[in-house]
Protein backbone atom coordinates (compact mmCIF):
# COMPACT_ATOMS: atom_id res chain seq x y z
CA UNK A 1 -13.98 -11.43 -52.81
CA UNK A 2 -10.59 -11.55 -51.17
CA UNK A 3 -8.87 -9.12 -48.89
CA UNK A 4 -5.42 -8.66 -47.58
CA UNK A 5 -4.51 -9.18 -43.98
CA UNK A 6 -1.65 -7.05 -42.77
CA UNK A 7 0.18 -8.10 -39.64
CA UNK A 8 0.22 -5.18 -37.24
CA UNK A 9 3.64 -4.28 -35.85
CA UNK A 10 4.14 -4.77 -32.11
CA UNK A 11 4.76 -1.33 -30.64
CA UNK A 12 5.39 -2.54 -27.09
CA UNK A 13 9.05 -1.47 -27.22
CA UNK A 14 7.93 2.17 -27.33
CA UNK A 15 6.20 1.84 -23.98
CA UNK A 16 9.27 0.89 -21.93
CA UNK A 17 9.98 4.52 -20.82
CA UNK A 18 6.48 4.70 -19.35
CA UNK A 19 6.80 1.42 -17.45
CA UNK A 20 10.04 2.68 -15.89
CA UNK A 21 8.22 5.53 -14.11
CA UNK A 22 7.74 4.66 -10.42
CA UNK A 23 4.22 3.37 -9.81
CA UNK A 24 3.42 2.53 -13.44
CA UNK A 25 2.34 -1.08 -13.81
CA UNK A 26 1.25 -1.57 -17.42
CA UNK A 27 0.93 0.32 -20.69
CA UNK A 28 -0.93 -0.61 -23.86
CA UNK A 29 -1.33 0.93 -27.31
CA UNK A 30 -4.62 0.10 -29.00
CA UNK A 31 -6.28 0.84 -32.29
CA UNK A 32 -9.54 2.73 -32.21
CA UNK A 33 -11.42 -0.51 -32.83
CA UNK A 34 -9.77 -2.31 -29.90
CA UNK A 35 -6.87 -4.19 -31.48
CA UNK A 36 -3.69 -4.49 -29.42
CA UNK A 37 -0.82 -2.68 -31.13
CA UNK A 38 1.62 -3.24 -28.28
CA UNK A 39 1.92 -3.62 -24.54
CA UNK A 40 4.50 -3.59 -21.76
CA UNK A 41 4.58 -4.23 -18.03
CA UNK A 42 6.96 -2.86 -15.43
CA UNK A 43 9.57 -5.30 -14.18
CA UNK A 44 9.33 -7.11 -10.83
CA UNK A 45 5.62 -6.50 -10.29
CA UNK A 46 3.59 -8.44 -7.77
CA UNK A 47 -0.13 -8.73 -7.27
CA UNK A 48 -2.96 -10.23 -9.28
CA UNK A 49 -1.61 -9.01 -12.63
CA UNK A 50 2.17 -9.03 -12.37
CA UNK A 51 2.66 -9.10 -16.14
CA UNK A 52 0.25 -8.68 -19.02
CA UNK A 53 0.09 -11.71 -21.27
CA UNK A 54 -0.87 -11.20 -24.92
CA UNK A 55 -4.37 -12.47 -24.09
CA UNK A 56 -4.66 -10.06 -21.14
CA UNK A 57 -3.42 -7.18 -23.30
CA UNK A 58 -5.91 -8.03 -26.04
CA UNK A 59 -8.77 -8.00 -23.52
CA UNK A 60 -7.46 -4.74 -22.07
CA UNK A 61 -7.25 -3.27 -25.57
CA UNK A 62 -10.93 -3.99 -26.18
CA UNK A 63 -11.83 -2.43 -22.82
CA UNK A 64 -9.68 0.64 -23.57
CA UNK A 65 -11.43 1.12 -26.90
CA UNK A 66 -14.81 0.87 -25.19
CA UNK A 67 -13.76 3.41 -22.52
CA UNK A 68 -12.46 5.91 -25.05
CA UNK A 69 -15.60 5.57 -27.16
CA UNK A 70 -17.74 6.10 -24.05
CA UNK A 71 -15.70 9.20 -23.24
CA UNK A 72 -16.13 10.50 -26.78
CA UNK A 73 -19.91 9.91 -26.64
CA UNK A 74 -20.16 11.59 -23.23
CA UNK A 75 -18.24 14.68 -24.34
CA UNK A 76 -20.41 14.92 -27.47
CA UNK A 77 -23.57 14.80 -25.33
CA UNK A 78 -22.28 17.44 -22.93
CA UNK A 79 -20.33 19.77 -25.24
CA UNK A 80 -21.56 19.03 -28.77
CA UNK A 81 -20.42 16.76 -31.57
CA UNK A 82 -17.25 18.77 -32.26
CA UNK A 83 -15.89 18.36 -28.74
CA UNK A 84 -12.74 16.28 -28.75
CA UNK A 85 -11.75 14.01 -25.88
CA UNK A 86 -8.06 14.35 -25.09
CA UNK A 87 -7.69 12.25 -21.97
CA UNK A 88 -9.68 10.02 -19.62
CA UNK A 89 -8.80 8.88 -16.12
CA UNK A 90 -10.31 5.98 -14.22
CA UNK A 91 -9.68 5.81 -10.47
CA UNK A 92 -10.05 2.49 -8.68
CA UNK A 93 -9.31 1.40 -5.13
CA UNK A 94 -6.07 -0.19 -6.48
CA UNK A 95 -4.80 2.59 -8.75
CA UNK A 96 -5.43 4.70 -11.81
CA UNK A 97 -5.84 4.05 -15.52
CA UNK A 98 -5.16 6.92 -17.90
CA UNK A 99 -6.20 6.95 -21.55
CA UNK A 100 -5.06 9.43 -24.18
CA UNK A 101 -5.31 9.92 -27.92
CA UNK A 102 -2.09 8.64 -29.51
CA UNK A 103 -2.24 9.41 -33.21
CA UNK A 104 -4.80 8.80 -35.93
CA UNK A 105 -6.97 5.88 -34.82
CA UNK A 106 -4.81 4.92 -31.82
CA UNK A 107 -4.98 5.31 -28.05
CA UNK A 108 -2.53 4.84 -25.20
CA UNK A 109 -3.57 3.39 -21.84
CA UNK A 110 -1.42 3.32 -18.70
CA UNK A 111 -2.25 1.62 -15.38
CA UNK A 112 -0.61 2.85 -12.18
CA UNK A 113 -0.51 2.12 -8.47
CA UNK A 114 -2.27 4.50 -6.07
CA UNK A 115 1.00 6.13 -5.04
CA UNK A 116 2.12 6.99 -8.60
CA UNK A 117 2.54 10.64 -9.55
CA UNK A 118 -0.40 10.71 -11.96
CA UNK A 119 0.50 14.21 -13.18
CA UNK A 120 3.98 13.03 -14.14
CA UNK A 121 2.56 9.93 -15.83
CA UNK A 122 0.10 12.03 -17.87
CA UNK A 123 2.89 14.41 -18.85
CA UNK A 124 5.15 11.55 -19.94
CA UNK A 125 2.30 10.01 -21.92
CA UNK A 126 1.88 13.27 -23.84
CA UNK A 127 5.63 13.53 -24.45
CA UNK A 128 5.73 9.95 -25.71
CA UNK A 129 2.80 10.54 -28.04
CA UNK A 130 4.44 13.71 -29.41
CA UNK A 131 7.79 11.97 -29.84
CA UNK A 132 6.59 8.80 -31.55
CA UNK A 133 3.06 9.66 -32.66
CA UNK A 134 3.68 8.59 -36.24
CA UNK A 135 4.42 5.03 -35.05
CA UNK A 136 1.29 5.05 -32.89
CA UNK A 137 -0.99 5.94 -35.78
CA UNK A 138 -3.31 3.10 -36.77
CA UNK A 139 -4.57 3.66 -40.29
CA UNK A 140 -7.80 1.97 -41.40
CA UNK A 141 -7.31 -1.56 -42.66
CA UNK A 142 -7.61 -2.25 -46.39
CA UNK A 143 -11.07 -3.27 -47.49
CA UNK A 144 -11.80 -6.40 -49.46
CA UNK A 145 -10.99 -6.21 -53.16
CA UNK A 146 -12.95 -7.95 -55.91
CA UNK A 147 -11.17 -10.61 -57.96
């Protein structure tokens, strides 16, 4: 059997408006199964992660997928299988990470500093998803075909 491998487009350019919001450090778009679809970092950052490398973004993508799946499982346990998870927020002693649904099979994650306006960031995430949701959709990959 052989299959086709399709190169996923890098959607990092779409994230630039988010990384220009004061206090936003990084943004990543991930497929539901944890593949990096794109990432961006704010300019002139300092600290332990001043810029996401591709390897860092790929690791973050896997973690984002795990977090969103955990959120989905938790909401199903608490509210029933039909309960949808729209957004998750993780608070750390260094800042916040927000996750939201971003089209069919895709999620958007944004990391901020502690002093960021998290409400504004969440609002801008929703606006971005509404504006470019079709580009953020990650359709299932083609299965293997028999030859």
